[in-house]
C-alpha atoms as a PDB file:
ATOM      1  CA  MET A   1     -17.202 -10.206  21.423  1.00  0.00           C
ATOM      2  CA  GLU A   2     -14.255  -8.134  23.287  1.00  0.00           C
ATOM      3  CA  PRO A   3     -13.563  -4.824  22.576  1.00  0.00           C
ATOM      4  CA  SER A   4     -10.679  -3.976  20.105  1.00  0.00           C
ATOM      5  CA  SER A   5      -7.775  -2.943  22.152  1.00  0.00           C
ATOM      6  CA  VAL A   6      -7.107  -0.232  19.186  1.00  0.00           C
ATOM      7  CA  PRO A   7      -9.104   3.069  19.674  1.00  0.00           C
ATOM      8  CA  ARG A   8     -10.787   4.428  16.414  1.00  0.00           C
ATOM      9  CA  PHE A   9     -11.559   7.559  18.302  1.00  0.00           C
ATOM     10  CA  ASP A  10     -10.105   9.908  20.931  1.00  0.00           C
ATOM     11  CA  THR A  11     -11.930  12.307  23.478  1.00  0.00           C
ATOM     12  CA  TRP A  12     -10.404  15.436  24.931  1.00  0.00           C
ATOM     13  CA  LEU A  13     -11.907  17.233  27.911  1.00  0.00           C
ATOM     14  CA  LEU A  14     -12.153  21.122  26.948  1.00  0.00           C
ATOM     15  CA  GLY A  15     -13.561  22.140  30.149  1.00  0.00           C
ATOM     16  CA  ARG A  16     -14.843  21.176  33.525  1.00  0.00           C
ATOM     17  CA  ALA A  17     -16.607  24.307  35.581  1.00  0.00           C
ATOM     18  CA  GLN A  18     -20.233  24.647  35.578  1.00  0.00           C
ATOM     19  CA  ASP A  19     -22.019  27.071  33.366  1.00  0.00           C
ATOM     20  CA  GLY A  20     -20.232  30.246  34.424  1.00  0.00           C
ATOM     21  CA  GLY A  21     -16.807  29.143  34.816  1.00  0.00           C
ATOM     22  CA  VAL A  22     -13.975  30.650  36.888  1.00  0.00           C
ATOM     23  CA  PRO A  23     -13.978  33.940  37.746  1.00  0.00           C
ATOM     24  CA  HIS A  24     -17.530  33.815  38.040  1.00  0.00           C
ATOM     25  CA  LEU A  25     -19.479  37.205  37.137  1.00  0.00           C
ATOM     26  CA  GLY A  26     -20.591  38.693  40.265  1.00  0.00           C
ATOM     27  CA  CYS A  27     -18.441  36.334  42.677  1.00  0.00           C
ATOM     28  CA  ASP A  28     -16.130  38.493  45.043  1.00  0.00           C
ATOM     29  CA  LEU A  29     -15.379  35.423  47.112  1.00  0.00           C
ATOM     30  CA  ALA A  30     -11.590  34.586  47.335  1.00  0.00           C
ATOM     31  CA  CYS A  31     -12.332  31.842  45.069  1.00  0.00           C
ATOM     32  CA  CYS A  32     -12.754  34.257  41.915  1.00  0.00           C
ATOM     33  CA  ALA A  33     -11.001  36.894  43.417  1.00  0.00           C
ATOM     34  CA  GLU A  34      -7.714  35.145  43.393  1.00  0.00           C
ATOM     35  CA  ALA A  35      -8.498  33.585  40.125  1.00  0.00           C
ATOM     36  CA  ARG A  36      -8.807  37.243  38.648  1.00  0.00           C
ATOM     37  CA  ALA A  37      -5.404  38.076  40.288  1.00  0.00           C
ATOM     38  CA  GLU A  38      -3.558  35.232  38.844  1.00  0.00           C
ATOM     39  CA  GLY A  39      -5.169  35.246  35.280  1.00  0.00           C
ATOM     40  CA  ARG A  40      -6.518  31.677  35.960  1.00  0.00           C
ATOM     41  CA  VAL A  41      -9.721  30.627  34.029  1.00  0.00           C
ATOM     42  CA  GLU A  42     -11.550  27.287  34.016  1.00  0.00           C
ATOM     43  CA  TYR A  43     -13.735  26.756  30.989  1.00  0.00           C
ATOM     44  CA  PRO A  44     -17.304  25.339  31.212  1.00  0.00           C
ATOM     45  CA  CYS A  45     -17.489  21.250  30.734  1.00  0.00           C
ATOM     46  CA  SER A  46     -17.081  20.455  26.988  1.00  0.00           C
ATOM     47  CA  LEU A  47     -15.620  17.342  25.452  1.00  0.00           C
ATOM     48  CA  GLY A  48     -14.150  16.906  22.095  1.00  0.00           C
ATOM     49  CA  VAL A  49     -13.905  13.839  19.879  1.00  0.00           C
ATOM     50  CA  ARG A  50     -11.756  13.154  17.074  1.00  0.00           C
ATOM     51  CA  ASP A  51     -11.971  10.419  14.558  1.00  0.00           C
ATOM     52  CA  LEU A  52      -8.559   8.813  14.154  1.00  0.00           C
ATOM     53  CA  LEU A  53      -8.573   7.886  10.824  1.00  0.00           C
ATOM     54  CA  THR A  54     -10.551  10.846   9.110  1.00  0.00           C
ATOM     55  CA  GLY A  55     -10.020  13.700  11.548  1.00  0.00           C
ATOM     56  CA  SER A  56     -13.331  14.645  11.656  1.00  0.00           C
ATOM     57  CA  LEU A  57     -14.047  16.206  14.975  1.00  0.00           C
ATOM     58  CA  ALA A  58     -17.425  16.570  17.258  1.00  0.00           C
ATOM     59  CA  LEU A  59     -18.079  18.796  20.114  1.00  0.00           C
ATOM     60  CA  ILE A  60     -20.146  18.083  22.985  1.00  0.00           C
ATOM     61  CA  ASP A  61     -21.946  21.040  24.487  1.00  0.00           C
ATOM     62  CA  ALA A  62     -21.287  24.304  22.960  1.00  0.00           C
ATOM     63  CA  THR A  63     -20.308  26.646  26.229  1.00  0.00           C
ATOM     64  CA  PRO A  64     -19.924  30.333  26.186  1.00  0.00           C
ATOM     65  CA  ALA A  65     -16.017  29.832  25.596  1.00  0.00           C
ATOM     66  CA  VAL A  66     -16.599  27.770  22.214  1.00  0.00           C
ATOM     67  CA  GLU A  67     -13.918  29.530  20.400  1.00  0.00           C
ATOM     68  CA  SER A  68     -11.240  28.802  22.803  1.00  0.00           C
ATOM     69  CA  GLN A  69     -12.232  25.255  23.357  1.00  0.00           C
ATOM     70  CA  ILE A  70     -12.714  24.582  19.843  1.00  0.00           C
ATOM     71  CA  ALA A  71      -9.162  26.090  18.963  1.00  0.00           C
ATOM     72  CA  MET A  72      -8.003  23.884  21.785  1.00  0.00           C
ATOM     73  CA  LEU A  73      -9.415  20.706  20.429  1.00  0.00           C
ATOM     74  CA  HIS A  74      -7.573  21.862  17.243  1.00  0.00           C
ATOM     75  CA  GLN A  75      -4.394  22.464  18.790  1.00  0.00           C
ATOM     76  CA  ARG A  76      -4.373  19.054  20.714  1.00  0.00           C
ATOM     77  CA  THR A  77      -5.520  17.070  17.866  1.00  0.00           C
ATOM     78  CA  ASN A  78      -3.009  19.112  15.297  1.00  0.00           C
ATOM     79  CA  THR A  79      -6.119  19.752  13.097  1.00  0.00           C
ATOM     80  CA  PRO A  80      -5.258  22.127   9.849  1.00  0.00           C
ATOM     81  CA  PRO A  81      -7.261  25.290   9.559  1.00  0.00           C
ATOM     82  CA  ARG A  82     -10.842  24.558   8.649  1.00  0.00           C
ATOM     83  CA  GLY A  83     -12.374  27.816   8.076  1.00  0.00           C
ATOM     84  CA  ARG A  84     -16.374  27.778   8.706  1.00  0.00           C
ATOM     85  CA  ARG A  85     -16.261  24.286   9.518  1.00  0.00           C
ATOM     86  CA  PRO A  86     -14.485  23.779  12.549  1.00  0.00           C
ATOM     87  CA  VAL A  87     -16.208  20.693  13.705  1.00  0.00           C
ATOM     88  CA  ASP A  88     -18.174  18.337  11.723  1.00  0.00           C
ATOM     89  CA  ALA A  89     -21.035  17.663  14.487  1.00  0.00           C
ATOM     90  CA  VAL A  90     -22.186  19.060  17.890  1.00  0.00           C
ATOM     91  CA  LEU A  91     -24.322  17.213  20.488  1.00  0.00           C
ATOM     92  CA  LEU A  92     -26.191  19.000  23.046  1.00  0.00           C
ATOM     93  CA  THR A  93     -27.355  17.878  26.697  1.00  0.00           C
ATOM     94  CA  HIS A  94     -30.014  20.680  27.255  1.00  0.00           C
ATOM     95  CA  ALA A  95     -30.671  24.058  27.075  1.00  0.00           C
ATOM     96  CA  HIS A  96     -29.119  25.840  30.137  1.00  0.00           C
ATOM     97  CA  ILE A  97     -26.669  28.754  29.274  1.00  0.00           C
ATOM     98  CA  GLY A  98     -23.286  26.588  29.721  1.00  0.00           C
ATOM     99  CA  HIS A  99     -24.200  23.923  27.237  1.00  0.00           C
ATOM    100  CA  TYR A 100     -25.504  25.690  23.941  1.00  0.00           C
ATOM    101  CA  ALA A 101     -24.935  29.620  24.549  1.00  0.00           C
ATOM    102  CA  GLY A 102     -21.850  28.937  22.402  1.00  0.00           C
ATOM    103  CA  LEU A 103     -24.120  28.325  19.308  1.00  0.00           C
ATOM    104  CA  LEU A 104     -24.641  31.903  18.785  1.00  0.00           C
ATOM    105  CA  GLN A 105     -20.919  31.981  17.802  1.00  0.00           C
ATOM    106  CA  PHE A 106     -21.840  29.930  14.923  1.00  0.00           C
ATOM    107  CA  GLY A 107     -24.336  32.733  13.568  1.00  0.00           C
ATOM    108  CA  LYS A 108     -23.537  35.541  10.919  1.00  0.00           C
ATOM    109  CA  GLU A 109     -22.701  37.948  13.665  1.00  0.00           C
ATOM    110  CA  VAL A 110     -19.279  35.820  14.012  1.00  0.00           C
ATOM    111  CA  GLY A 111     -18.303  32.600  12.335  1.00  0.00           C
ATOM    112  CA  ALA A 112     -20.910  32.188   9.848  1.00  0.00           C
ATOM    113  CA  ILE A 113     -20.498  28.537  10.360  1.00  0.00           C
ATOM    114  CA  ASP A 114     -21.533  26.224   7.592  1.00  0.00           C
ATOM    115  CA  ALA A 115     -24.475  23.902   7.826  1.00  0.00           C
ATOM    116  CA  THR A 116     -23.237  22.090  11.035  1.00  0.00           C
ATOM    117  CA  PRO A 117     -25.187  19.090  11.981  1.00  0.00           C
ATOM    118  CA  VAL A 118     -26.517  19.718  15.509  1.00  0.00           C
ATOM    119  CA  TYR A 119     -27.613  16.646  17.422  1.00  0.00           C
ATOM    120  CA  CYS A 120     -30.269  17.220  20.362  1.00  0.00           C
ATOM    121  CA  THR A 121     -33.392  15.839  21.324  1.00  0.00           C
ATOM    122  CA  PRO A 122     -36.703  16.725  19.691  1.00  0.00           C
ATOM    123  CA  ARG A 123     -37.907  19.170  22.761  1.00  0.00           C
ATOM    124  CA  MET A 124     -34.658  20.662  22.517  1.00  0.00           C
ATOM    125  CA  ALA A 125     -34.760  21.040  18.748  1.00  0.00           C
ATOM    126  CA  ARG A 126     -38.074  22.392  18.873  1.00  0.00           C
ATOM    127  CA  PHE A 127     -36.784  25.051  21.542  1.00  0.00           C
ATOM    128  CA  VAL A 128     -34.417  26.103  18.849  1.00  0.00           C
ATOM    129  CA  ARG A 129     -36.151  26.707  15.945  1.00  0.00           C
ATOM    130  CA  SER A 130     -39.140  28.507  17.923  1.00  0.00           C
ATOM    131  CA  ASN A 131     -36.878  31.089  20.159  1.00  0.00           C
ATOM    132  CA  ALA A 132     -34.836  34.023  18.372  1.00  0.00           C
ATOM    133  CA  PRO A 133     -31.793  34.009  18.119  1.00  0.00           C
ATOM    134  CA  TRP A 134     -31.434  30.393  18.163  1.00  0.00           C
ATOM    135  CA  SER A 135     -34.256  30.209  15.175  1.00  0.00           C
ATOM    136  CA  ALA A 136     -31.786  32.132  12.892  1.00  0.00           C
ATOM    137  CA  LEU A 137     -28.933  29.600  13.237  1.00  0.00           C
ATOM    138  CA  HIS A 138     -31.500  27.062  11.482  1.00  0.00           C
ATOM    139  CA  SER A 139     -32.762  29.281   9.181  1.00  0.00           C
ATOM    140  CA  ASP A 140     -30.003  30.695   7.983  1.00  0.00           C
ATOM    141  CA  ARG A 141     -28.197  27.186   7.545  1.00  0.00           C
ATOM    142  CA  HIS A 142     -25.399  27.926  10.295  1.00  0.00           C
ATOM    143  CA  ILE A 143     -26.659  24.546  11.941  1.00  0.00           C
ATOM    144  CA  GLU A 144     -28.665  21.685  10.878  1.00  0.00           C
ATOM    145  CA  LEU A 145     -30.946  20.098  13.686  1.00  0.00           C
ATOM    146  CA  ALA A 146     -30.315  16.419  13.901  1.00  0.00           C
ATOM    147  CA  GLU A 147     -32.807  15.273  16.380  1.00  0.00           C
ATOM    148  CA  ILE A 148     -32.094  12.474  18.510  1.00  0.00           C
ATOM    149  CA  PRO A 149     -34.674   9.369  18.320  1.00  0.00           C
ATOM    150  CA  LEU A 150     -35.954   8.639  21.568  1.00  0.00           C
ATOM    151  CA  ALA A 151     -37.782   5.634  22.280  1.00  0.00           C
ATOM    152  CA  PRO A 152     -40.394   5.428  25.112  1.00  0.00           C
ATOM    153  CA  ASP A 153     -37.892   4.685  27.785  1.00  0.00           C
ATOM    154  CA  GLY A 154     -35.808   7.857  26.925  1.00  0.00           C
ATOM    155  CA  ARG A 155     -33.088   5.987  25.294  1.00  0.00           C
ATOM    156  CA  GLY A 156     -31.931   6.635  21.563  1.00  0.00           C
ATOM    157  CA  THR A 157     -28.748   5.851  19.654  1.00  0.00           C
ATOM    158  CA  PHE A 158     -27.343   7.761  16.907  1.00  0.00           C
ATOM    159  CA  GLU A 159     -23.964   8.286  14.946  1.00  0.00           C
ATOM    160  CA  PRO A 160     -22.816  11.904  14.812  1.00  0.00           C
ATOM    161  CA  LEU A 161     -19.415  10.505  13.011  1.00  0.00           C
ATOM    162  CA  PRO A 162     -19.429   7.385  11.096  1.00  0.00           C
ATOM    163  CA  GLY A 163     -18.459   4.416  13.397  1.00  0.00           C
ATOM    164  CA  LEU A 164     -18.922   6.533  16.934  1.00  0.00           C
ATOM    165  CA  SER A 165     -22.088   5.034  18.386  1.00  0.00           C
ATOM    166  CA  VAL A 166     -23.826   7.607  20.883  1.00  0.00           C
ATOM    167  CA  GLU A 167     -26.673   6.580  23.017  1.00  0.00           C
ATOM    168  CA  ALA A 168     -28.657   9.344  24.484  1.00  0.00           C
ATOM    169  CA  ILE A 169     -30.216   8.606  27.819  1.00  0.00           C
ATOM    170  CA  VAL A 170     -32.868  11.160  29.440  1.00  0.00           C
ATOM    171  CA  VAL A 171     -31.813  12.133  32.625  1.00  0.00           C
ATOM    172  CA  PRO A 172     -33.812  13.901  35.339  1.00  0.00           C
ATOM    173  CA  HIS A 173     -32.874  17.828  35.933  1.00  0.00           C
ATOM    174  CA  ARG A 174     -34.326  21.280  35.956  1.00  0.00           C
ATOM    175  CA  ASP A 175     -35.820  21.371  32.381  1.00  0.00           C
ATOM    176  CA  GLU A 176     -37.555  24.580  31.891  1.00  0.00           C
ATOM    177  CA  TYR A 177     -36.652  24.854  28.215  1.00  0.00           C
ATOM    178  CA  SER A 178     -35.536  21.391  27.449  1.00  0.00           C
ATOM    179  CA  ASP A 179     -35.058  17.939  28.495  1.00  0.00           C
ATOM    180  CA  THR A 180     -31.869  16.719  29.527  1.00  0.00           C
ATOM    181  CA  VAL A 181     -29.743  13.892  28.224  1.00  0.00           C
ATOM    182  CA  ALA A 182     -26.536  12.026  29.534  1.00  0.00           C
ATOM    183  CA  PHE A 183     -24.349  10.657  26.240  1.00  0.00           C
ATOM    184  CA  ARG A 184     -22.651   7.200  25.926  1.00  0.00           C
ATOM    185  CA  LEU A 185     -20.081   7.364  23.244  1.00  0.00           C
ATOM    186  CA  SER A 186     -18.744   3.996  22.055  1.00  0.00           C
ATOM    187  CA  GLY A 187     -15.948   3.047  20.142  1.00  0.00           C
ATOM    188  CA  PRO A 188     -14.119  -0.442  19.297  1.00  0.00           C
ATOM    189  CA  SER A 189     -11.915   0.049  22.116  1.00  0.00           C
ATOM    190  CA  GLN A 190     -13.988   1.796  25.471  1.00  0.00           C
ATOM    191  CA  THR A 191     -17.134   3.533  26.211  1.00  0.00           C
ATOM    192  CA  VAL A 192     -17.440   7.120  27.765  1.00  0.00           C
ATOM    193  CA  LEU A 193     -20.280   8.583  29.630  1.00  0.00           C
ATOM    194  CA  TRP A 194     -20.824  12.064  29.424  1.00  0.00           C
ATOM    195  CA  ALA A 195     -23.618  13.195  32.207  1.00  0.00           C
ATOM    196  CA  PRO A 196     -22.736  16.596  33.362  1.00  0.00           C
ATOM    197  CA  ASP A 197     -26.139  17.725  35.097  1.00  0.00           C
ATOM    198  CA  VAL A 198     -28.466  15.418  36.716  1.00  0.00           C
ATOM    199  CA  ASP A 199     -30.850  15.291  39.851  1.00  0.00           C
ATOM    200  CA  GLN A 200     -29.918  14.280  43.215  1.00  0.00           C
ATOM    201  CA  TRP A 201     -29.372  10.353  43.123  1.00  0.00           C
ATOM    202  CA  GLY A 202     -31.333   9.909  46.322  1.00  0.00           C
ATOM    203  CA  LYS A 203     -34.626  11.067  44.481  1.00  0.00           C
ATOM    204  CA  HIS A 204     -34.251   8.305  41.635  1.00  0.00           C
ATOM    205  CA  ALA A 205     -32.930   4.764  43.320  1.00  0.00           C
ATOM    206  CA  GLY A 206     -30.264   3.117  40.998  1.00  0.00           C
ATOM    207  CA  LEU A 207     -29.896   5.809  38.542  1.00  0.00           C
ATOM    208  CA  ALA A 208     -26.509   6.602  39.091  1.00  0.00           C
ATOM    209  CA  GLU A 209     -25.592   3.002  38.789  1.00  0.00           C
ATOM    210  CA  ARG A 210     -27.306   2.346  35.536  1.00  0.00           C
ATOM    211  CA  LEU A 211     -25.656   5.334  33.962  1.00  0.00           C
ATOM    212  CA  VAL A 212     -21.978   4.098  34.722  1.00  0.00           C
ATOM    213  CA  ASP A 213     -22.745   0.348  34.371  1.00  0.00           C
ATOM    214  CA  GLY A 214     -20.556  -1.132  31.459  1.00  0.00           C
ATOM    215  CA  VAL A 215     -18.831   2.372  30.687  1.00  0.00           C
ATOM    216  CA  ASP A 216     -14.958   2.665  30.938  1.00  0.00           C
ATOM    217  CA  ILE A 217     -14.905   6.147  31.987  1.00  0.00           C
ATOM    218  CA  ALA A 218     -17.977   8.166  33.222  1.00  0.00           C
ATOM    219  CA  TYR A 219     -17.630  12.073  33.647  1.00  0.00           C
ATOM    220  CA  VAL A 220     -20.118  12.771  36.114  1.00  0.00           C
ATOM    221  CA  ASP A 221     -22.037  15.759  37.640  1.00  0.00           C
ATOM    222  CA  GLY A 222     -19.642  17.209  40.635  1.00  0.00           C
ATOM    223  CA  THR A 223     -21.241  20.983  40.996  1.00  0.00           C
ATOM    224  CA  PHE A 224     -21.073  21.043  44.666  1.00  0.00           C
ATOM    225  CA  TYR A 225     -18.943  18.997  47.015  1.00  0.00           C
ATOM    226  CA  ASP A 226     -21.108  19.058  50.064  1.00  0.00           C
ATOM    227  CA  GLU A 227     -24.199  20.906  51.717  1.00  0.00           C
ATOM    228  CA  ASP A 228     -21.884  23.051  53.437  1.00  0.00           C
ATOM    229  CA  GLU A 229     -20.561  24.681  50.301  1.00  0.00           C
ATOM    230  CA  LEU A 230     -24.291  25.936  49.366  1.00  0.00           C
ATOM    231  CA  GLY A 231     -24.216  28.705  52.064  1.00  0.00           C
ATOM    232  CA  GLY A 232     -27.831  27.665  53.697  1.00  0.00           C
ATOM    233  CA  ARG A 233     -29.396  27.561  50.089  1.00  0.00           C
ATOM    234  CA  ASP A 234     -32.262  24.751  49.968  1.00  0.00           C
ATOM    235  CA  LEU A 235     -30.791  21.920  48.200  1.00  0.00           C
ATOM    236  CA  ASP A 236     -33.960  20.945  46.638  1.00  0.00           C
ATOM    237  CA  THR A 237     -33.879  24.241  44.719  1.00  0.00           C
ATOM    238  CA  ILE A 238     -30.521  23.171  43.314  1.00  0.00           C
ATOM    239  CA  PRO A 239     -30.792  19.850  41.457  1.00  0.00           C
ATOM    240  CA  HIS A 240     -27.526  18.117  41.489  1.00  0.00           C
ATOM    241  CA  PRO A 241     -26.091  15.562  43.772  1.00  0.00           C
ATOM    242  CA  VAL A 242     -22.899  16.804  45.902  1.00  0.00           C
ATOM    243  CA  MET A 243     -19.862  14.846  45.308  1.00  0.00           C
ATOM    244  CA  ARG A 244     -20.201  13.212  49.000  1.00  0.00           C
ATOM    245  CA  GLU A 245     -23.161  12.020  47.604  1.00  0.00           C
ATOM    246  CA  THR A 246     -22.190  10.585  44.707  1.00  0.00           C
ATOM    247  CA  MET A 247     -19.122   8.945  46.381  1.00  0.00           C
ATOM    248  CA  SER A 248     -21.277   6.821  48.460  1.00  0.00           C
ATOM    249  CA  VAL A 249     -23.275   5.843  45.873  1.00  0.00           C
ATOM    250  CA  LEU A 250     -20.978   4.445  43.883  1.00  0.00           C
ATOM    251  CA  GLY A 251     -18.387   3.837  45.683  1.00  0.00           C
ATOM    252  CA  SER A 252     -18.500   0.087  45.024  1.00  0.00           C
ATOM    253  CA  ALA A 253     -18.440   0.825  41.219  1.00  0.00           C
ATOM    254  CA  VAL A 254     -14.700   2.365  41.427  1.00  0.00           C
ATOM    255  CA  LYS A 255     -13.114  -0.113  43.835  1.00  0.00           C
ATOM    256  CA  ALA A 256     -11.861  -2.557  40.797  1.00  0.00           C
ATOM    257  CA  ARG A 257     -10.937   0.689  38.642  1.00  0.00           C
ATOM    258  CA  PRO A 258      -9.943   3.813  40.595  1.00  0.00           C
ATOM    259  CA  GLY A 259     -10.295   6.809  38.570  1.00  0.00           C
ATOM    260  CA  ARG A 260     -13.007   5.411  36.149  1.00  0.00           C
ATOM    261  CA  VAL A 261     -15.699   8.035  37.529  1.00  0.00           C
ATOM    262  CA  ARG A 262     -14.220  11.374  36.862  1.00  0.00           C
ATOM    263  CA  PHE A 263     -16.072  14.564  38.334  1.00  0.00           C
ATOM    264  CA  ILE A 264     -16.549  17.725  35.926  1.00  0.00           C
ATOM    265  CA  HIS A 265     -19.139  20.598  36.187  1.00  0.00           C
ATOM    266  CA  PHE A 266     -17.782  21.951  38.866  1.00  0.00           C
ATOM    267  CA  ASN A 267     -19.318  25.171  40.503  1.00  0.00           C
ATOM    268  CA  HIS A 268     -16.996  28.117  41.065  1.00  0.00           C
ATOM    269  CA  THR A 269     -17.038  27.658  44.758  1.00  0.00           C
ATOM    270  CA  ASN A 270     -16.080  23.886  44.733  1.00  0.00           C
ATOM    271  CA  PRO A 271     -13.098  23.212  46.724  1.00  0.00           C
ATOM    272  CA  VAL A 272     -11.589  20.939  44.328  1.00  0.00           C
ATOM    273  CA  LEU A 273     -10.785  23.590  41.833  1.00  0.00           C
ATOM    274  CA  HIS A 274      -9.037  25.598  44.260  1.00  0.00           C
ATOM    275  CA  GLY A 275      -6.945  23.085  46.784  1.00  0.00           C
ATOM    276  CA  ALA A 276      -5.169  20.123  46.818  1.00  0.00           C
ATOM    277  CA  ALA A 277      -6.960  18.649  49.953  1.00  0.00           C
ATOM    278  CA  ALA A 278     -10.279  18.271  48.329  1.00  0.00           C
ATOM    279  CA  ARG A 279      -8.811  16.720  45.449  1.00  0.00           C
ATOM    280  CA  ALA A 280      -7.011  14.461  47.470  1.00  0.00           C
ATOM    281  CA  GLN A 281      -9.553  13.357  49.647  1.00  0.00           C
ATOM    282  CA  VAL A 282     -11.846  12.631  46.314  1.00  0.00           C
ATOM    283  CA  GLU A 283      -8.732  10.386  44.843  1.00  0.00           C
ATOM    284  CA  SER A 284      -8.265   8.420  48.064  1.00  0.00           C
ATOM    285  CA  LEU A 285     -11.664   7.316  47.700  1.00  0.00           C
ATOM    286  CA  GLY A 286     -11.178   5.950  43.881  1.00  0.00           C
ATOM    287  CA  PHE A 287     -12.330   8.846  42.351  1.00  0.00           C
ATOM    288  CA  GLY A 288     -11.114  11.319  39.784  1.00  0.00           C
ATOM    289  CA  VAL A 289     -11.251  14.976  39.528  1.00  0.00           C
ATOM    290  CA  ALA A 290     -11.120  15.431  35.673  1.00  0.00           C
ATOM    291  CA  SER A 291      -8.132  17.575  34.220  1.00  0.00           C
ATOM    292  CA  VAL A 292      -8.735  19.860  31.296  1.00  0.00           C
ATOM    293  CA  GLY A 293      -6.685  18.364  28.319  1.00  0.00           C
ATOM    294  CA  GLU A 294      -7.281  14.413  29.591  1.00  0.00           C
ATOM    295  CA  SER A 295      -7.567  12.281  26.867  1.00  0.00           C
ATOM    296  CA  PHE A 296      -9.240   8.565  26.317  1.00  0.00           C
ATOM    297  CA  GLY A 297      -9.312   6.461  23.301  1.00  0.00           C
ATOM    298  CA  LEU A 298     -12.593   4.757  22.233  1.00  0.00           C
END
């Protein structure tokens, strides 16, 4: 069956930086010094989803900038005040600071949010239940943990909003506290991939191609532009594909639809955040540099 041309949902990019954002704590390089002087801020990557029929909202990854990002989602979607239920569901990719630390603001010290479902893997749910202060969010019913049913192949499908089909796909990453998943979000019109963190493609043959196969928009890990950006650090200790690797691996996937594969999760040093030349190079190869506020219908 052909997908409908009429979307039921829309997505909103609420941030595109790596966990620490820009300016980055402890960075005195020009990239962050100039951002401080200019008052320029880049939030960690997060995606909002709205049900166009009901107005229900979902948030993918709760970053340290969660208040500003939910406020942005409300503003972009003309959502009226919602008090202690600012979103109807939260989806978490993994337990690294830029992706779940914002949950702390759901607790009694800040928002005292009302029993919001949080979709995550069983391992991530065990981590939250077993470690304070996260466990208090669950026991005090500010969040309700909704475990994603994963099959032995590391995939599982669920509906965080009625009619929104989401497939979780376990991907390799630095998994000290939880496993890591990418999400495929499907509505009647399009499918969007959310894959902000993943290991180098070269260590996992065919992984990149499998993740983007059949999706209309693919948000993928763009933490570092190339090896030179790392200042001599061992790439094996930083499990992210550099953008140049991704553009080599997925070059054929973007030929028919330039801009379909869109980079997110930029480290504060990544030149695509700070100058036009790097962005132009990426776009000339058919890839996209995601922009905060961009929206796609599902």
